[in-house]
């Protein structure tokens, strides 16, 4: 499944900010889970990714956010959330 331009940019940020050596950002399936069976990210990765997204896009993701499971479900879900929040600011 191909990535949109926004997803590609976010995948590059993800790989760069989490130092995912050997992971090609362009090869990340936008629908694949980011945690557990997908990329295998953990809660520390989520915090680091939240900080990187905040710095790059000015979108704040709270650690205890009720919607985090949905927001971080996949690259596509995270990208959609970031894009929707950027339009509000």
PDB file of N, CA and C in Angstrom:
ATOM      1  N   UNK A   1       0.852  -1.185   0.000  1.00  0.00           N
ATOM      2  CA  UNK A   1       0.000   0.000   0.000  1.00  0.00           C
ATOM      3  C   UNK A   1       0.893   1.242   0.000  1.00  0.00           C
ATOM      4  N   UNK A   2       0.609   2.179  -0.844  1.00  0.00           N
ATOM      5  CA  UNK A   2       1.490   3.339  -0.972  1.00  0.00           C
ATOM      6  C   UNK A   2       1.144   4.432   0.042  1.00  0.00           C
ATOM      7  N   UNK A   3       2.163   5.201   0.364  1.00  0.00           N
ATOM      8  CA  UNK A   3       2.027   6.296   1.318  1.00  0.00           C
ATOM      9  C   UNK A   3       1.691   7.594   0.596  1.00  0.00           C
ATOM     10  N   UNK A   4       0.945   8.452   1.284  1.00  0.00           N
ATOM     11  CA  UNK A   4       0.736   9.800   0.776  1.00  0.00           C
ATOM     12  C   UNK A   4       2.002  10.604   1.068  1.00  0.00           C
ATOM     13  N   UNK A   5       2.091  11.797   0.535  1.00  0.00           N
ATOM     14  CA  UNK A   5       3.255  12.642   0.797  1.00  0.00           C
ATOM     15  C   UNK A   5       3.378  12.944   2.292  1.00  0.00           C
ATOM     16  N   UNK A   6       2.262  13.240   2.949  1.00  0.00           N
ATOM     17  CA  UNK A   6       2.279  13.531   4.391  1.00  0.00           C
ATOM     18  C   UNK A   6       2.705  12.297   5.188  1.00  0.00           C
ATOM     19  N   UNK A   7       2.253  11.124   4.782  1.00  0.00           N
ATOM     20  CA  UNK A   7       2.642   9.887   5.465  1.00  0.00           C
ATOM     21  C   UNK A   7       4.125   9.603   5.272  1.00  0.00           C
ATOM     22  N   UNK A   8       4.623   9.875   4.086  1.00  0.00           N
ATOM     23  CA  UNK A   8       6.043   9.656   3.788  1.00  0.00           C
ATOM     24  C   UNK A   8       6.911  10.559   4.675  1.00  0.00           C
ATOM     25  N   UNK A   9       6.507  11.820   4.789  1.00  0.00           N
ATOM     26  CA  UNK A   9       7.236  12.772   5.624  1.00  0.00           C
ATOM     27  C   UNK A   9       7.221  12.320   7.092  1.00  0.00           C
ATOM     28  N   UNK A  10       6.073  11.867   7.551  1.00  0.00           N
ATOM     29  CA  UNK A  10       5.942  11.406   8.929  1.00  0.00           C
ATOM     30  C   UNK A  10       6.731  10.111   9.154  1.00  0.00           C
ATOM     31  N   UNK A  11       6.752   9.230   8.173  1.00  0.00           N
ATOM     32  CA  UNK A  11       7.527   7.985   8.285  1.00  0.00           C
ATOM     33  C   UNK A  11       9.014   8.302   8.403  1.00  0.00           C
ATOM     34  N   UNK A  12       9.479   9.294   7.657  1.00  0.00           N
ATOM     35  CA  UNK A  12      10.881   9.696   7.738  1.00  0.00           C
ATOM     36  C   UNK A  12      11.193  10.260   9.116  1.00  0.00           C
ATOM     37  N   UNK A  13      10.283  11.058   9.663  1.00  0.00           N
ATOM     38  CA  UNK A  13      10.453  11.599  11.015  1.00  0.00           C
ATOM     39  C   UNK A  13      10.480  10.469  12.039  1.00  0.00           C
ATOM     40  N   UNK A  14       9.598   9.509  11.883  1.00  0.00           N
ATOM     41  CA  UNK A  14       9.511   8.367  12.790  1.00  0.00           C
ATOM     42  C   UNK A  14      10.831   7.597  12.811  1.00  0.00           C
ATOM     43  N   UNK A  15      11.336   7.235  11.644  1.00  0.00           N
ATOM     44  CA  UNK A  15      12.576   6.462  11.555  1.00  0.00           C
ATOM     45  C   UNK A  15      13.754   7.267  12.101  1.00  0.00           C
ATOM     46  N   UNK A  16      13.793   8.555  11.765  1.00  0.00           N
ATOM     47  CA  UNK A  16      14.888   9.421  12.205  1.00  0.00           C
ATOM     48  C   UNK A  16      14.852   9.648  13.713  1.00  0.00           C
ATOM     49  N   UNK A  17      13.694  10.001  14.250  1.00  0.00           N
ATOM     50  CA  UNK A  17      13.602  10.346  15.672  1.00  0.00           C
ATOM     51  C   UNK A  17      13.752   9.134  16.589  1.00  0.00           C
ATOM     52  N   UNK A  18      13.393   7.952  16.105  1.00  0.00           N
ATOM     53  CA  UNK A  18      13.494   6.746  16.928  1.00  0.00           C
ATOM     54  C   UNK A  18      14.734   5.917  16.592  1.00  0.00           C
ATOM     55  N   UNK A  19      15.573   6.436  15.689  1.00  0.00           N
ATOM     56  CA  UNK A  19      16.797   5.727  15.294  1.00  0.00           C
ATOM     57  C   UNK A  19      16.518   4.281  14.910  1.00  0.00           C
ATOM     58  N   UNK A  20      15.538   4.079  14.043  1.00  0.00           N
ATOM     59  CA  UNK A  20      15.174   2.727  13.608  1.00  0.00           C
ATOM     60  C   UNK A  20      16.102   2.291  12.473  1.00  0.00           C
ATOM     61  N   UNK A  21      17.264   1.829  12.849  1.00  0.00           N
ATOM     62  CA  UNK A  21      18.246   1.406  11.853  1.00  0.00           C
ATOM     63  C   UNK A  21      17.719   0.222  11.064  1.00  0.00           C
ATOM     64  N   UNK A  22      17.958   0.268   9.773  1.00  0.00           N
ATOM     65  CA  UNK A  22      17.538  -0.826   8.916  1.00  0.00           C
ATOM     66  C   UNK A  22      16.082  -0.749   8.476  1.00  0.00           C
ATOM     67  N   UNK A  23      15.360   0.289   8.916  1.00  0.00           N
ATOM     68  CA  UNK A  23      13.960   0.455   8.516  1.00  0.00           C
ATOM     69  C   UNK A  23      13.897   1.532   7.432  1.00  0.00           C
ATOM     70  N   UNK A  24      13.387   1.163   6.276  1.00  0.00           N
ATOM     71  CA  UNK A  24      13.212   2.112   5.183  1.00  0.00           C
ATOM     72  C   UNK A  24      11.873   2.820   5.392  1.00  0.00           C
ATOM     73  N   UNK A  25      11.893   4.134   5.624  1.00  0.00           N
ATOM     74  CA  UNK A  25      10.631   4.840   5.874  1.00  0.00           C
ATOM     75  C   UNK A  25       9.618   4.681   4.747  1.00  0.00           C
ATOM     76  N   UNK A  26      10.110   4.533   3.515  1.00  0.00           N
ATOM     77  CA  UNK A  26       9.211   4.402   2.371  1.00  0.00           C
ATOM     78  C   UNK A  26       8.576   3.016   2.291  1.00  0.00           C
ATOM     79  N   UNK A  27       9.129   2.068   3.043  1.00  0.00           N
ATOM     80  CA  UNK A  27       8.609   0.698   3.023  1.00  0.00           C
ATOM     81  C   UNK A  27       7.608   0.436   4.142  1.00  0.00           C
ATOM     82  N   UNK A  28       7.384   1.431   5.003  1.00  0.00           N
ATOM     83  CA  UNK A  28       6.428   1.247   6.097  1.00  0.00           C
ATOM     84  C   UNK A  28       5.014   1.239   5.526  1.00  0.00           C
ATOM     85  N   UNK A  29       4.298   0.172   5.799  1.00  0.00           N
ATOM     86  CA  UNK A  29       2.898   0.070   5.363  1.00  0.00           C
ATOM     87  C   UNK A  29       2.087   1.061   6.189  1.00  0.00           C
ATOM     88  N   UNK A  30       1.423   2.017   5.542  1.00  0.00           N
ATOM     89  CA  UNK A  30       0.688   3.035   6.295  1.00  0.00           C
ATOM     90  C   UNK A  30      -0.467   2.480   7.118  1.00  0.00           C
ATOM     91  N   UNK A  31      -0.914   1.268   6.795  1.00  0.00           N
ATOM     92  CA  UNK A  31      -2.019   0.657   7.533  1.00  0.00           C
ATOM     93  C   UNK A  31      -1.541  -0.295   8.638  1.00  0.00           C
ATOM     94  N   UNK A  32      -0.252  -0.620   8.648  1.00  0.00           N
ATOM     95  CA  UNK A  32       0.284  -1.572   9.630  1.00  0.00           C
ATOM     96  C   UNK A  32       0.318  -0.935  11.020  1.00  0.00           C
ATOM     97  N   UNK A  33       0.104  -1.723  12.058  1.00  0.00           N
ATOM     98  CA  UNK A  33       0.186  -1.196  13.422  1.00  0.00           C
ATOM     99  C   UNK A  33       1.590  -0.670  13.714  1.00  0.00           C
ATOM    100  N   UNK A  34       1.670   0.420  14.464  1.00  0.00           N
ATOM    101  CA  UNK A  34       2.968   0.945  14.859  1.00  0.00           C
ATOM    102  C   UNK A  34       3.533   0.172  16.045  1.00  0.00           C
ATOM    103  N   UNK A  35       2.661  -0.384  16.866  1.00  0.00           N
ATOM    104  CA  UNK A  35       3.084  -1.067  18.084  1.00  0.00           C
ATOM    105  C   UNK A  35       2.886  -2.569  17.958  1.00  0.00           C
ATOM    106  N   UNK A  36       3.530  -3.297  18.851  1.00  0.00           N
ATOM    107  CA  UNK A  36       3.433  -4.754  18.922  1.00  0.00           C
ATOM    108  C   UNK A  36       3.817  -5.408  17.605  1.00  0.00           C
ATOM    109  N   UNK A  37       2.872  -6.045  16.919  1.00  0.00           N
ATOM    110  CA  UNK A  37       3.170  -6.841  15.737  1.00  0.00           C
ATOM    111  C   UNK A  37       3.652  -6.029  14.538  1.00  0.00           C
ATOM    112  N   UNK A  38       3.316  -4.758  14.488  1.00  0.00           N
ATOM    113  CA  UNK A  38       3.714  -3.944  13.342  1.00  0.00           C
ATOM    114  C   UNK A  38       5.187  -3.586  13.412  1.00  0.00           C
ATOM    115  N   UNK A  39       5.491  -2.308  13.688  1.00  0.00           N
ATOM    116  CA  UNK A  39       6.879  -1.874  13.795  1.00  0.00           C
ATOM    117  C   UNK A  39       7.507  -2.277  15.124  1.00  0.00           C
ATOM    118  N   UNK A  40       6.680  -2.698  16.065  1.00  0.00           N
ATOM    119  CA  UNK A  40       7.197  -3.141  17.351  1.00  0.00           C
ATOM    120  C   UNK A  40       7.579  -2.011  18.285  1.00  0.00           C
ATOM    121  N   UNK A  41       6.969  -0.853  18.118  1.00  0.00           N
ATOM    122  CA  UNK A  41       7.265   0.274  18.999  1.00  0.00           C
ATOM    123  C   UNK A  41       6.705   0.016  20.389  1.00  0.00           C
ATOM    124  N   UNK A  42       7.258   0.738  21.378  1.00  0.00           N
ATOM    125  CA  UNK A  42       6.763   0.604  22.754  1.00  0.00           C
ATOM    126  C   UNK A  42       6.388   1.980  23.302  1.00  0.00           C
ATOM    127  N   UNK A  43       6.038   2.039  24.579  1.00  0.00           N
ATOM    128  CA  UNK A  43       5.554   3.291  25.166  1.00  0.00           C
ATOM    129  C   UNK A  43       6.630   4.379  25.178  1.00  0.00           C
ATOM    130  N   UNK A  44       7.891   4.002  25.351  1.00  0.00           N
ATOM    131  CA  UNK A  44       8.977   4.990  25.296  1.00  0.00           C
ATOM    132  C   UNK A  44       9.067   5.577  23.888  1.00  0.00           C
ATOM    133  N   UNK A  45       8.924   4.719  22.886  1.00  0.00           N
ATOM    134  CA  UNK A  45       8.926   5.197  21.495  1.00  0.00           C
ATOM    135  C   UNK A  45       7.777   6.170  21.263  1.00  0.00           C
ATOM    136  N   UNK A  46       6.625   5.876  21.858  1.00  0.00           N
ATOM    137  CA  UNK A  46       5.461   6.757  21.697  1.00  0.00           C
ATOM    138  C   UNK A  46       5.754   8.142  22.265  1.00  0.00           C
ATOM    139  N   UNK A  47       6.421   8.185  23.413  1.00  0.00           N
ATOM    140  CA  UNK A  47       6.773   9.480  24.006  1.00  0.00           C
ATOM    141  C   UNK A  47       7.754  10.243  23.112  1.00  0.00           C
ATOM    142  N   UNK A  48       8.773   9.544  22.637  1.00  0.00           N
ATOM    143  CA  UNK A  48       9.756  10.187  21.760  1.00  0.00           C
ATOM    144  C   UNK A  48       9.114  10.665  20.464  1.00  0.00           C
ATOM    145  N   UNK A  49       8.236   9.852  19.907  1.00  0.00           N
ATOM    146  CA  UNK A  49       7.551  10.230  18.676  1.00  0.00           C
ATOM    147  C   UNK A  49       6.632  11.426  18.915  1.00  0.00           C
ATOM    148  N   UNK A  50       5.956  11.450  20.059  1.00  0.00           N
ATOM    149  CA  UNK A  50       5.091  12.581  20.408  1.00  0.00           C
ATOM    150  C   UNK A  50       5.888  13.877  20.458  1.00  0.00           C
ATOM    151  N   UNK A  51       7.080  13.819  21.072  1.00  0.00           N
ATOM    152  CA  UNK A  51       7.936  15.007  21.152  1.00  0.00           C
ATOM    153  C   UNK A  51       8.387  15.451  19.760  1.00  0.00           C
ATOM    154  N   UNK A  52       8.778  14.495  18.925  1.00  0.00           N
ATOM    155  CA  UNK A  52       9.231  14.818  17.571  1.00  0.00           C
ATOM    156  C   UNK A  52       8.103  15.435  16.742  1.00  0.00           C
ATOM    157  N   UNK A  53       6.897  14.880  16.864  1.00  0.00           N
ATOM    158  CA  UNK A  53       5.733  15.418  16.143  1.00  0.00           C
ATOM    159  C   UNK A  53       5.431  16.828  16.636  1.00  0.00           C
ATOM    160  N   UNK A  54       5.520  17.029  17.952  1.00  0.00           N
ATOM    161  CA  UNK A  54       5.284  18.359  18.516  1.00  0.00           C
ATOM    162  C   UNK A  54       6.264  19.389  17.991  1.00  0.00           C
ATOM    163  N   UNK A  55       7.541  19.008  17.931  1.00  0.00           N
ATOM    164  CA  UNK A  55       8.568  19.926  17.434  1.00  0.00           C
ATOM    165  C   UNK A  55       8.386  20.235  15.961  1.00  0.00           C
ATOM    166  N   UNK A  56       8.145  19.197  15.160  1.00  0.00           N
ATOM    167  CA  UNK A  56       8.078  19.370  13.710  1.00  0.00           C
ATOM    168  C   UNK A  56       6.783  20.043  13.270  1.00  0.00           C
ATOM    169  N   UNK A  57       5.657  19.606  13.851  1.00  0.00           N
ATOM    170  CA  UNK A  57       4.352  20.060  13.349  1.00  0.00           C
ATOM    171  C   UNK A  57       3.599  20.987  14.296  1.00  0.00           C
ATOM    172  N   UNK A  58       4.087  21.136  15.526  1.00  0.00           N
ATOM    173  CA  UNK A  58       3.384  21.975  16.487  1.00  0.00           C
ATOM    174  C   UNK A  58       2.100  21.342  16.986  1.00  0.00           C
ATOM    175  N   UNK A  59       1.992  20.025  16.862  1.00  0.00           N
ATOM    176  CA  UNK A  59       0.808  19.288  17.307  1.00  0.00           C
ATOM    177  C   UNK A  59       1.146  18.588  18.612  1.00  0.00           C
ATOM    178  N   UNK A  60       0.405  18.911  19.657  1.00  0.00           N
ATOM    179  CA  UNK A  60       0.663  18.321  20.962  1.00  0.00           C
ATOM    180  C   UNK A  60      -0.118  17.018  21.132  1.00  0.00           C
ATOM    181  N   UNK A  61       0.608  15.966  21.511  1.00  0.00           N
ATOM    182  CA  UNK A  61      -0.002  14.668  21.791  1.00  0.00           C
ATOM    183  C   UNK A  61       0.250  14.384  23.269  1.00  0.00           C
ATOM    184  N   UNK A  62      -0.807  14.255  24.042  1.00  0.00           N
ATOM    185  CA  UNK A  62      -0.658  14.052  25.482  1.00  0.00           C
ATOM    186  C   UNK A  62      -0.430  12.588  25.816  1.00  0.00           C
ATOM    187  N   UNK A  63       0.426  12.367  26.795  1.00  0.00           N
ATOM    188  CA  UNK A  63       0.776  10.996  27.193  1.00  0.00           C
ATOM    189  C   UNK A  63      -0.448  10.206  27.629  1.00  0.00           C
ATOM    190  N   UNK A  64      -1.358  10.856  28.324  1.00  0.00           N
ATOM    191  CA  UNK A  64      -2.547  10.146  28.807  1.00  0.00           C
ATOM    192  C   UNK A  64      -3.773  10.411  27.940  1.00  0.00           C
ATOM    193  N   UNK A  65      -3.553  10.842  26.718  1.00  0.00           N
ATOM    194  CA  UNK A  65      -4.674  11.159  25.840  1.00  0.00           C
ATOM    195  C   UNK A  65      -5.585   9.958  25.619  1.00  0.00           C
ATOM    196  N   UNK A  66      -6.874  10.190  25.735  1.00  0.00           N
ATOM    197  CA  UNK A  66      -7.858   9.119  25.586  1.00  0.00           C
ATOM    198  C   UNK A  66      -7.843   8.520  24.183  1.00  0.00           C
ATOM    199  N   UNK A  67      -7.489   9.320  23.204  1.00  0.00           N
ATOM    200  CA  UNK A  67      -7.529   8.873  21.809  1.00  0.00           C
ATOM    201  C   UNK A  67      -6.203   8.307  21.317  1.00  0.00           C
ATOM    202  N   UNK A  68      -5.209   8.184  22.196  1.00  0.00           N
ATOM    203  CA  UNK A  68      -3.881   7.752  21.757  1.00  0.00           C
ATOM    204  C   UNK A  68      -3.891   6.409  21.052  1.00  0.00           C
ATOM    205  N   UNK A  69      -4.692   5.483  21.523  1.00  0.00           N
ATOM    206  CA  UNK A  69      -4.724   4.156  20.892  1.00  0.00           C
ATOM    207  C   UNK A  69      -5.158   4.293  19.428  1.00  0.00           C
ATOM    208  N   UNK A  70      -6.139   5.148  19.178  1.00  0.00           N
ATOM    209  CA  UNK A  70      -6.615   5.372  17.816  1.00  0.00           C
ATOM    210  C   UNK A  70      -5.595   6.185  17.010  1.00  0.00           C
ATOM    211  N   UNK A  71      -5.053   7.233  17.624  1.00  0.00           N
ATOM    212  CA  UNK A  71      -4.107   8.113  16.934  1.00  0.00           C
ATOM    213  C   UNK A  71      -2.846   7.358  16.519  1.00  0.00           C
ATOM    214  N   UNK A  72      -2.330   6.519  17.408  1.00  0.00           N
ATOM    215  CA  UNK A  72      -1.087   5.791  17.143  1.00  0.00           C
ATOM    216  C   UNK A  72      -1.336   4.402  16.561  1.00  0.00           C
ATOM    217  N   UNK A  73      -2.522   4.143  16.081  1.00  0.00           N
ATOM    218  CA  UNK A  73      -2.846   2.819  15.549  1.00  0.00           C
ATOM    219  C   UNK A  73      -1.968   2.464  14.348  1.00  0.00           C
ATOM    220  N   UNK A  74      -1.708   3.434  13.491  1.00  0.00           N
ATOM    221  CA  UNK A  74      -0.918   3.188  12.276  1.00  0.00           C
ATOM    222  C   UNK A  74      -0.325   4.508  11.803  1.00  0.00           C
ATOM    223  N   UNK A  75       0.559   4.423  10.860  1.00  0.00           N
ATOM    224  CA  UNK A  75       1.137   5.622  10.258  1.00  0.00           C
ATOM    225  C   UNK A  75       0.034   6.472   9.643  1.00  0.00           C
ATOM    226  N   UNK A  76      -0.916   5.830   8.998  1.00  0.00           N
ATOM    227  CA  UNK A  76      -2.013   6.556   8.348  1.00  0.00           C
ATOM    228  C   UNK A  76      -2.873   7.299   9.378  1.00  0.00           C
ATOM    229  N   UNK A  77      -3.180   6.637  10.492  1.00  0.00           N
ATOM    230  CA  UNK A  77      -3.998   7.265  11.542  1.00  0.00           C
ATOM    231  C   UNK A  77      -3.258   8.442  12.169  1.00  0.00           C
ATOM    232  N   UNK A  78      -1.970   8.269  12.433  1.00  0.00           N
ATOM    233  CA  UNK A  78      -1.175   9.346  13.023  1.00  0.00           C
ATOM    234  C   UNK A  78      -1.076  10.520  12.059  1.00  0.00           C
ATOM    235  N   UNK A  79      -0.839  10.235  10.793  1.00  0.00           N
ATOM    236  CA  UNK A  79      -0.744  11.285   9.788  1.00  0.00           C
ATOM    237  C   UNK A  79      -2.061  12.056   9.666  1.00  0.00           C
ATOM    238  N   UNK A  80      -3.172  11.339   9.654  1.00  0.00           N
ATOM    239  CA  UNK A  80      -4.485  11.990   9.558  1.00  0.00           C
ATOM    240  C   UNK A  80      -4.719  12.900  10.753  1.00  0.00           C
ATOM    241  N   UNK A  81      -4.338  12.441  11.938  1.00  0.00           N
ATOM    242  CA  UNK A  81      -4.519  13.252  13.147  1.00  0.00           C
ATOM    243  C   UNK A  81      -3.653  14.512  13.074  1.00  0.00           C
ATOM    244  N   UNK A  82      -2.391  14.346  12.696  1.00  0.00           N
ATOM    245  CA  UNK A  82      -1.480  15.489  12.599  1.00  0.00           C
ATOM    246  C   UNK A  82      -2.018  16.499  11.596  1.00  0.00           C
ATOM    247  N   UNK A  83      -2.454  16.017  10.443  1.00  0.00           N
ATOM    248  CA  UNK A  83      -2.968  16.930   9.407  1.00  0.00           C
ATOM    249  C   UNK A  83      -4.221  17.652   9.889  1.00  0.00           C
ATOM    250  N   UNK A  84      -5.105  16.961  10.587  1.00  0.00           N
ATOM    251  CA  UNK A  84      -6.345  17.593  11.065  1.00  0.00           C
ATOM    252  C   UNK A  84      -6.039  18.649  12.120  1.00  0.00           C
ATOM    253  N   UNK A  85      -5.054  18.382  12.987  1.00  0.00           N
ATOM    254  CA  UNK A  85      -4.697  19.343  14.030  1.00  0.00           C
ATOM    255  C   UNK A  85      -3.956  20.547  13.462  1.00  0.00           C
ATOM    256  N   UNK A  86      -3.170  20.337  12.436  1.00  0.00           N
ATOM    257  CA  UNK A  86      -2.444  21.438  11.808  1.00  0.00           C
ATOM    258  C   UNK A  86      -3.414  22.425  11.163  1.00  0.00           C
ATOM    259  N   UNK A  87      -4.521  21.919  10.647  1.00  0.00           N
ATOM    260  CA  UNK A  87      -5.511  22.793  10.004  1.00  0.00           C
ATOM    261  C   UNK A  87      -6.236  23.653  11.029  1.00  0.00           C
ATOM    262  N   UNK A  88      -6.283  23.175  12.272  1.00  0.00           N
ATOM    263  CA  UNK A  88      -6.990  23.921  13.326  1.00  0.00           C
ATOM    264  C   UNK A  88      -6.173  25.070  13.877  1.00  0.00           C
ATOM    265  N   UNK A  89      -4.852  25.007  13.687  1.00  0.00           N
ATOM    266  CA  UNK A  89      -3.998  26.048  14.277  1.00  0.00           C
ATOM    267  C   UNK A  89      -3.667  27.132  13.299  1.00  0.00           C
TER     268      UNK A  89
END
